Amino acid sequence: MPASCSGASGKRAQTVDILSADGIALAATQTLEKFEGGVYLSYELQGSVHVTLHQVSGGDAMLNGVFFDAASEAAKWLKSDDNVRR
């Protein structure tokens, strides 16, 4: 599941948590800082999950897009890519 985040200010920071469907077990977490140029997050997910964004500093936490692909194994952090074209 690729997701896109971009912040208007280099002062924005947030965490992205992937939780089990019951909202109890933390499957993956990622902290983003200084992502005004945008960043893509990629996760492999299976079944139902909760995605939670938490503001750390700056403006509100934000998620610009979520893109789904074919089903795969359990949730795990793959990578971030700040090489985003505008």
N, C-alpha and C. Protein backbone atom coordinates (compact mmCIF):
# COMPACT_ATOMS: atom_id res chain seq x y z
N MET A 1 0.85 -1.17 0.00
CA MET A 1 0.00 0.00 0.00
C MET A 1 0.89 1.23 0.00
N PRO A 2 1.17 1.82 -1.15
CA PRO A 2 1.87 3.10 -1.16
C PRO A 2 0.95 4.22 -0.68
N ALA A 3 1.52 5.18 0.03
CA ALA A 3 0.77 6.34 0.48
C ALA A 3 1.64 7.57 0.26
N SER A 4 1.02 8.69 0.00
CA SER A 4 1.74 9.92 -0.28
C SER A 4 1.44 10.96 0.80
N CYS A 5 2.50 11.58 1.32
CA CYS A 5 2.35 12.66 2.29
C CYS A 5 3.21 13.82 1.83
N SER A 6 2.70 15.03 1.97
CA SER A 6 3.51 16.21 1.71
C SER A 6 3.12 17.29 2.70
N GLY A 7 4.11 18.01 3.18
CA GLY A 7 3.86 19.07 4.15
C GLY A 7 4.21 20.42 3.56
N ALA A 8 3.43 21.43 3.88
CA ALA A 8 3.65 22.77 3.35
C ALA A 8 4.83 23.45 4.02
N SER A 9 5.25 22.95 5.15
CA SER A 9 6.31 23.59 5.92
C SER A 9 7.30 22.55 6.39
N GLY A 10 8.59 22.91 6.41
CA GLY A 10 9.62 22.00 6.89
C GLY A 10 9.53 21.76 8.38
N LYS A 11 8.61 22.43 9.07
CA LYS A 11 8.46 22.29 10.51
C LYS A 11 7.45 21.21 10.88
N ARG A 12 6.78 20.61 9.89
CA ARG A 12 5.77 19.58 10.16
C ARG A 12 6.45 18.25 10.44
N ALA A 13 5.96 17.54 11.45
CA ALA A 13 6.41 16.18 11.76
C ALA A 13 5.19 15.37 12.20
N GLN A 14 5.17 14.10 11.81
CA GLN A 14 4.04 13.24 12.17
C GLN A 14 4.49 11.79 12.20
N THR A 15 3.70 10.96 12.88
CA THR A 15 3.93 9.52 12.85
C THR A 15 2.76 8.86 12.13
N VAL A 16 3.06 7.77 11.45
CA VAL A 16 2.06 6.95 10.78
C VAL A 16 2.11 5.58 11.45
N ASP A 17 1.01 5.16 12.04
CA ASP A 17 0.93 3.86 12.71
C ASP A 17 -0.01 2.95 11.93
N ILE A 18 0.40 1.71 11.72
CA ILE A 18 -0.46 0.68 11.13
C ILE A 18 -0.80 -0.29 12.26
N LEU A 19 -2.09 -0.39 12.57
CA LEU A 19 -2.56 -1.22 13.68
C LEU A 19 -3.39 -2.39 13.16
N SER A 20 -3.47 -3.43 13.94
CA SER A 20 -4.33 -4.57 13.60
C SER A 20 -5.78 -4.11 13.52
N ALA A 21 -6.62 -4.93 12.91
CA ALA A 21 -8.03 -4.57 12.71
C ALA A 21 -8.73 -4.22 14.02
N ASP A 22 -8.33 -4.85 15.12
CA ASP A 22 -8.95 -4.55 16.42
C ASP A 22 -8.36 -3.30 17.06
N GLY A 23 -7.35 -2.69 16.41
CA GLY A 23 -6.75 -1.46 16.90
C GLY A 23 -5.81 -1.64 18.07
N ILE A 24 -5.41 -2.88 18.37
CA ILE A 24 -4.58 -3.14 19.55
C ILE A 24 -3.12 -3.34 19.18
N ALA A 25 -2.84 -4.27 18.27
CA ALA A 25 -1.45 -4.62 17.95
C ALA A 25 -0.86 -3.64 16.93
N LEU A 26 0.32 -3.09 17.24
CA LEU A 26 1.01 -2.18 16.34
C LEU A 26 1.82 -3.01 15.35
N ALA A 27 1.47 -2.94 14.07
CA ALA A 27 2.16 -3.73 13.04
C ALA A 27 3.35 -2.96 12.48
N ALA A 28 3.25 -1.64 12.38
CA ALA A 28 4.34 -0.82 11.84
C ALA A 28 4.14 0.62 12.28
N THR A 29 5.25 1.35 12.43
CA THR A 29 5.18 2.77 12.74
C THR A 29 6.31 3.47 12.01
N GLN A 30 6.06 4.70 11.57
CA GLN A 30 7.08 5.46 10.86
C GLN A 30 6.91 6.93 11.24
N THR A 31 8.01 7.60 11.57
CA THR A 31 7.99 9.02 11.87
C THR A 31 8.50 9.79 10.67
N LEU A 32 7.76 10.81 10.27
CA LEU A 32 8.14 11.66 9.14
C LEU A 32 8.46 13.05 9.67
N GLU A 33 9.58 13.61 9.21
CA GLU A 33 9.97 14.97 9.57
C GLU A 33 10.47 15.68 8.32
N LYS A 34 10.23 16.97 8.22
CA LYS A 34 10.75 17.80 7.12
C LYS A 34 10.45 17.17 5.77
N PHE A 35 9.19 16.93 5.48
CA PHE A 35 8.80 16.28 4.23
C PHE A 35 8.01 17.22 3.32
N GLU A 36 8.40 18.52 3.33
CA GLU A 36 7.67 19.49 2.53
C GLU A 36 7.73 19.17 1.03
N GLY A 37 8.74 18.45 0.58
CA GLY A 37 8.84 18.06 -0.82
C GLY A 37 8.02 16.82 -1.14
N GLY A 38 7.43 16.22 -0.12
CA GLY A 38 6.62 15.01 -0.30
C GLY A 38 7.42 13.75 -0.02
N VAL A 39 6.74 12.70 0.33
CA VAL A 39 7.36 11.40 0.58
C VAL A 39 6.33 10.32 0.30
N TYR A 40 6.78 9.22 -0.26
CA TYR A 40 5.92 8.05 -0.46
C TYR A 40 6.29 7.01 0.57
N LEU A 41 5.31 6.45 1.24
CA LEU A 41 5.50 5.36 2.18
C LEU A 41 4.95 4.10 1.53
N SER A 42 5.64 2.99 1.69
CA SER A 42 5.18 1.73 1.11
C SER A 42 5.09 0.66 2.19
N TYR A 43 3.96 -0.01 2.27
CA TYR A 43 3.73 -1.07 3.24
C TYR A 43 3.18 -2.29 2.52
N GLU A 44 3.50 -3.45 3.02
CA GLU A 44 2.83 -4.67 2.58
C GLU A 44 1.81 -5.00 3.66
N LEU A 45 0.53 -5.07 3.30
CA LEU A 45 -0.54 -5.29 4.27
C LEU A 45 -1.37 -6.50 3.87
N GLN A 46 -1.94 -7.14 4.87
CA GLN A 46 -2.85 -8.26 4.63
C GLN A 46 -4.04 -8.12 5.56
N GLY A 47 -5.24 -8.31 5.03
CA GLY A 47 -6.44 -8.23 5.86
C GLY A 47 -6.78 -6.80 6.21
N SER A 48 -7.57 -6.65 7.25
CA SER A 48 -8.02 -5.33 7.69
C SER A 48 -7.02 -4.72 8.66
N VAL A 49 -6.77 -3.43 8.50
CA VAL A 49 -5.87 -2.69 9.39
C VAL A 49 -6.45 -1.30 9.64
N HIS A 50 -5.93 -0.65 10.66
CA HIS A 50 -6.24 0.75 10.95
C HIS A 50 -4.97 1.55 10.67
N VAL A 51 -5.10 2.65 9.95
CA VAL A 51 -3.99 3.56 9.72
C VAL A 51 -4.28 4.81 10.53
N THR A 52 -3.34 5.17 11.41
CA THR A 52 -3.53 6.33 12.28
C THR A 52 -2.38 7.29 12.09
N LEU A 53 -2.70 8.59 11.92
CA LEU A 53 -1.70 9.64 11.80
C LEU A 53 -1.72 10.46 13.08
N HIS A 54 -0.52 10.78 13.59
CA HIS A 54 -0.40 11.58 14.82
C HIS A 54 0.49 12.79 14.54
N GLN A 55 0.00 13.97 14.87
CA GLN A 55 0.80 15.18 14.76
C GLN A 55 1.89 15.15 15.82
N VAL A 56 3.13 15.40 15.41
CA VAL A 56 4.25 15.52 16.35
C VAL A 56 4.58 16.99 16.53
N SER A 57 4.70 17.73 15.43
CA SER A 57 4.94 19.18 15.50
C SER A 57 4.46 19.83 14.21
N GLY A 58 4.35 21.15 14.23
CA GLY A 58 3.89 21.89 13.05
C GLY A 58 2.39 21.77 12.89
N GLY A 59 1.95 21.81 11.64
CA GLY A 59 0.52 21.74 11.33
C GLY A 59 -0.06 20.36 11.58
N ASP A 60 -1.33 20.21 11.24
CA ASP A 60 -2.02 18.94 11.42
C ASP A 60 -1.32 17.81 10.67
N ALA A 61 -1.48 16.58 11.16
CA ALA A 61 -0.99 15.41 10.44
C ALA A 61 -1.80 15.26 9.16
N MET A 62 -1.15 14.81 8.08
CA MET A 62 -1.87 14.73 6.81
C MET A 62 -1.40 13.55 5.97
N LEU A 63 -2.33 13.08 5.15
CA LEU A 63 -2.08 12.00 4.20
C LEU A 63 -2.74 12.43 2.90
N ASN A 64 -1.96 12.53 1.83
CA ASN A 64 -2.49 13.05 0.57
C ASN A 64 -3.11 11.99 -0.33
N GLY A 65 -2.67 10.76 -0.22
CA GLY A 65 -3.22 9.72 -1.09
C GLY A 65 -2.86 8.34 -0.59
N VAL A 66 -3.71 7.38 -0.90
CA VAL A 66 -3.48 5.98 -0.57
C VAL A 66 -3.72 5.18 -1.84
N PHE A 67 -2.79 4.29 -2.18
CA PHE A 67 -2.87 3.53 -3.41
C PHE A 67 -2.78 2.05 -3.06
N PHE A 68 -3.74 1.26 -3.51
CA PHE A 68 -3.80 -0.15 -3.16
C PHE A 68 -3.34 -1.01 -4.33
N ASP A 69 -2.66 -2.10 -3.98
CA ASP A 69 -2.17 -3.05 -4.95
C ASP A 69 -2.71 -4.42 -4.58
N ALA A 70 -2.25 -5.45 -5.22
CA ALA A 70 -2.70 -6.81 -4.91
C ALA A 70 -2.36 -7.18 -3.46
N ALA A 71 -3.15 -8.09 -2.87
CA ALA A 71 -2.93 -8.53 -1.49
C ALA A 71 -1.57 -9.21 -1.35
N SER A 72 -0.96 -9.07 -0.15
CA SER A 72 0.34 -9.68 0.13
C SER A 72 0.38 -10.16 1.57
N GLU A 73 1.58 -10.33 2.13
CA GLU A 73 1.73 -10.85 3.49
C GLU A 73 1.40 -9.81 4.56
N ALA A 74 1.69 -10.11 5.81
CA ALA A 74 1.40 -9.23 6.96
C ALA A 74 2.05 -7.86 6.80
N ALA A 75 1.57 -6.87 7.51
CA ALA A 75 2.07 -5.50 7.42
C ALA A 75 3.52 -5.41 7.84
N LYS A 76 4.29 -4.69 7.07
CA LYS A 76 5.67 -4.38 7.45
C LYS A 76 6.10 -3.13 6.70
N TRP A 77 6.99 -2.37 7.31
CA TRP A 77 7.52 -1.15 6.72
C TRP A 77 8.45 -1.54 5.59
N LEU A 78 8.28 -0.93 4.42
CA LEU A 78 9.16 -1.20 3.29
C LEU A 78 10.18 -0.09 3.09
N LYS A 79 9.69 1.13 2.85
CA LYS A 79 10.62 2.22 2.57
C LYS A 79 9.89 3.55 2.52
N SER A 80 10.65 4.62 2.51
CA SER A 80 10.12 5.93 2.19
C SER A 80 10.95 6.47 1.04
N ASP A 81 10.36 7.32 0.23
CA ASP A 81 11.03 7.87 -0.93
C ASP A 81 10.70 9.35 -1.00
N ASP A 82 11.69 10.22 -0.73
CA ASP A 82 11.44 11.65 -0.76
C ASP A 82 11.80 12.26 -2.11
N ASN A 83 11.97 11.42 -3.10
CA ASN A 83 12.23 11.84 -4.46
C ASN A 83 10.91 12.00 -5.20
N VAL A 84 10.09 12.92 -4.77
CA VAL A 84 8.74 13.09 -5.30
C VAL A 84 8.74 14.20 -6.34
N ARG A 85 8.15 13.91 -7.48
CA ARG A 85 8.04 14.93 -8.55
C ARG A 85 6.75 15.70 -8.36
N ARG A 86 6.81 16.98 -8.58
CA ARG A 86 5.61 17.82 -8.50
C ARG A 86 5.21 18.25 -9.88
